[in-house]
Amino acid sequence: MVMALGPLLLIFMLGLGVTPPTLAQDDSRYQRFLTRHYDAKPLGRNDRYCETMMRRRGMTSPCKDTNTFVHGNKKKIKAICEAKNGRPYGDNFRISTSAFQVTTCKHIGGSPLPPCRYRATAGLRNIVVACEGGLPVHFDESFFVSNKHSTDQS
């Protein structure tokens, strides 16, 4: 009986050794999403905010053309990947059912080399993300929220 358990125990132990890197990889994509697109409580949402945040978050060498920062609660953002705050949108994406405060930063300089200059656009929007393992890993787009439920893309 003990001999028969030996190979099973070995397979089980090997499985444990393989699982954590897979989970860590999923978490690293989520962490990258947060670094690029999440700022809970912004101090101002103007051009200076964009220039500072883009530099702090490592998106100015070369100057990234456009980036959106989502403000608020991380749990609400994660919930887009579930029925709690999201629904399917297109192929492999989810759109939030609640709106988020966002700041979109658009590069306004001619050169992709620093110093990078950005124009800020702040607004309340539904956001579209790609999810893996129940976590957002890619910001795709956002839509202005209006009383008419407009879907003006930006």
Protein backbone atom coordinates (compact mmCIF):
# COMPACT_ATOMS: atom_id res chain seq x y z
CA MET A 1 0.00 0.00 0.00
CA VAL A 2 2.79 2.46 0.89
CA MET A 3 4.62 1.61 -2.37
CA ALA A 4 1.47 2.42 -4.39
CA LEU A 5 1.16 5.82 -2.75
CA GLY A 6 4.76 6.75 -3.60
CA PRO A 7 4.16 7.71 -7.28
CA LEU A 8 0.91 9.51 -6.41
CA LEU A 9 2.64 11.47 -3.67
CA LEU A 10 5.43 12.41 -6.10
CA ILE A 11 2.90 13.64 -8.70
CA PHE A 12 1.05 15.61 -6.01
CA MET A 13 4.26 17.27 -4.80
CA LEU A 14 5.30 18.12 -8.37
CA GLY A 15 1.86 19.63 -8.94
CA LEU A 16 2.31 21.87 -5.90
CA GLY A 17 5.64 23.03 -7.25
CA VAL A 18 4.10 23.99 -10.61
CA THR A 19 0.95 25.73 -9.35
CA PRO A 20 2.38 28.78 -7.54
CA PRO A 21 4.25 30.22 -10.58
CA THR A 22 1.05 29.97 -12.62
CA LEU A 23 -0.87 31.85 -9.95
CA ALA A 24 1.95 34.35 -9.57
CA GLN A 25 1.93 34.96 -13.34
CA ASP A 26 -1.81 35.77 -13.26
CA ASP A 27 -1.25 38.05 -10.29
CA SER A 28 1.65 39.82 -12.03
CA ARG A 29 -0.59 40.70 -15.01
CA TYR A 30 -3.18 42.08 -12.57
CA GLN A 31 -0.45 44.05 -10.74
CA ARG A 32 0.73 45.48 -14.08
CA PHE A 33 -2.89 46.48 -14.85
CA LEU A 34 -3.07 48.29 -11.48
CA THR A 35 0.27 50.04 -12.07
CA ARG A 36 -0.79 51.29 -15.49
CA HIS A 37 -4.45 52.07 -14.86
CA TYR A 38 -5.36 52.44 -11.17
CA ASP A 39 -5.07 55.46 -8.91
CA ALA A 40 -7.48 55.33 -5.98
CA LYS A 41 -7.44 58.97 -4.88
CA PRO A 42 -5.87 61.31 -7.43
CA LEU A 43 -4.60 64.71 -6.41
CA GLY A 44 -6.09 66.78 -9.20
CA ARG A 45 -7.03 65.39 -12.59
CA ASN A 46 -5.43 67.95 -14.87
CA ASP A 47 -2.53 68.00 -17.36
CA ARG A 48 0.04 68.17 -14.56
CA TYR A 49 -1.53 65.08 -12.96
CA CYS A 50 -1.14 63.18 -16.23
CA GLU A 51 2.47 64.25 -16.74
CA THR A 52 3.38 63.27 -13.17
CA MET A 53 1.53 59.94 -13.15
CA MET A 54 2.75 58.83 -16.55
CA ARG A 55 6.33 59.52 -15.47
CA ARG A 56 5.88 57.82 -12.04
CA ARG A 57 4.31 54.75 -13.61
CA GLY A 58 7.09 54.34 -16.18
CA MET A 59 5.17 55.21 -19.34
CA THR A 60 7.33 58.05 -20.64
CA SER A 61 10.28 56.32 -22.28
CA PRO A 62 9.05 56.49 -24.98
CA CYS A 63 5.97 58.64 -24.33
CA LYS A 64 2.89 56.41 -24.30
CA ASP A 65 0.26 57.89 -26.62
CA THR A 66 -2.84 57.38 -24.44
CA ASN A 67 -3.48 55.93 -21.00
CA THR A 68 -6.51 55.92 -18.72
CA PHE A 69 -6.38 55.93 -14.92
CA VAL A 70 -9.39 54.52 -13.09
CA HIS A 71 -10.17 56.00 -9.67
CA GLY A 72 -12.07 54.51 -6.76
CA ASN A 73 -12.41 51.09 -5.26
CA LYS A 74 -10.25 48.11 -6.38
CA LYS A 75 -12.99 45.66 -5.38
CA LYS A 76 -15.43 47.32 -7.79
CA ILE A 77 -12.86 47.07 -10.58
CA LYS A 78 -12.21 43.39 -9.84
CA ALA A 79 -15.97 42.79 -9.78
CA ILE A 80 -16.18 43.72 -13.49
CA CYS A 81 -14.76 40.24 -14.12
CA GLU A 82 -17.82 38.78 -12.37
CA ALA A 83 -21.56 39.32 -12.66
CA LYS A 84 -21.35 41.67 -9.63
CA ASN A 85 -20.23 44.65 -11.71
CA GLY A 86 -19.73 43.47 -15.26
CA ARG A 87 -21.25 41.80 -18.27
CA PRO A 88 -19.77 40.28 -21.43
CA TYR A 89 -18.75 42.77 -24.09
CA GLY A 90 -17.54 41.72 -27.52
CA ASP A 91 -15.09 38.86 -27.75
CA ASN A 92 -13.30 38.14 -24.46
CA PHE A 93 -14.03 41.50 -22.80
CA ARG A 94 -16.27 42.72 -19.97
CA ILE A 95 -17.91 46.11 -19.56
CA SER A 96 -18.62 47.58 -16.14
CA THR A 97 -22.25 47.90 -15.14
CA SER A 98 -21.36 50.83 -12.88
CA ALA A 99 -19.52 53.98 -13.86
CA PHE A 100 -16.05 54.94 -12.65
CA GLN A 101 -14.29 58.27 -12.34
CA VAL A 102 -11.45 58.13 -14.87
CA THR A 103 -8.72 60.41 -16.16
CA THR A 104 -7.51 59.83 -19.71
CA CYS A 105 -4.07 61.18 -20.55
CA LYS A 106 -3.25 61.87 -24.22
CA HIS A 107 0.24 62.69 -25.41
CA ILE A 108 0.24 66.12 -27.09
CA GLY A 109 3.91 66.47 -27.98
CA GLY A 110 5.34 65.75 -31.40
CA SER A 111 8.26 63.62 -30.21
CA PRO A 112 7.93 60.25 -28.48
CA LEU A 113 10.97 61.17 -26.38
CA PRO A 114 10.78 62.76 -22.93
CA PRO A 115 9.86 65.22 -21.67
CA CYS A 116 6.33 64.02 -22.41
CA ARG A 117 3.41 66.45 -22.36
CA TYR A 118 -0.14 65.19 -21.78
CA ARG A 119 -3.66 66.58 -21.97
CA ALA A 120 -6.05 65.30 -19.28
CA THR A 121 -9.71 64.49 -19.78
CA ALA A 122 -11.63 63.63 -16.61
CA GLY A 123 -15.03 62.01 -16.62
CA LEU A 124 -17.46 59.41 -15.39
CA ARG A 125 -17.34 56.33 -17.61
CA ASN A 126 -18.14 52.67 -17.98
CA ILE A 127 -14.92 50.78 -18.64
CA VAL A 128 -14.06 47.73 -20.74
CA VAL A 129 -11.42 45.28 -19.52
CA ALA A 130 -10.04 41.86 -20.39
CA CYS A 131 -10.02 39.39 -17.51
CA GLU A 132 -7.92 36.35 -16.70
CA GLY A 133 -8.41 34.19 -13.65
CA GLY A 134 -11.15 36.51 -12.40
CA LEU A 135 -8.86 39.57 -12.45
CA PRO A 136 -8.67 42.52 -14.86
CA VAL A 137 -5.43 42.35 -16.86
CA HIS A 138 -5.99 44.78 -19.74
CA PHE A 139 -7.79 48.13 -20.03
CA ASP A 140 -9.45 48.29 -23.43
CA GLU A 141 -11.65 51.38 -23.62
CA SER A 142 -14.19 53.53 -21.82
CA PHE A 143 -17.51 55.15 -22.60
CA PHE A 144 -18.94 58.43 -21.35
CA VAL A 145 -21.91 58.02 -19.07
CA SER A 146 -24.92 60.21 -19.69
CA ASN A 147 -28.58 60.20 -18.79
CA LYS A 148 -29.31 58.87 -22.29
CA HIS A 149 -26.85 55.97 -21.77
CA SER A 150 -24.68 57.23 -24.57
CA THR A 151 -21.84 55.08 -25.82
CA ASP A 152 -19.54 57.77 -27.13
CA GLN A 153 -16.17 56.08 -27.20
CA SER A 154 -13.08 57.77 -25.87
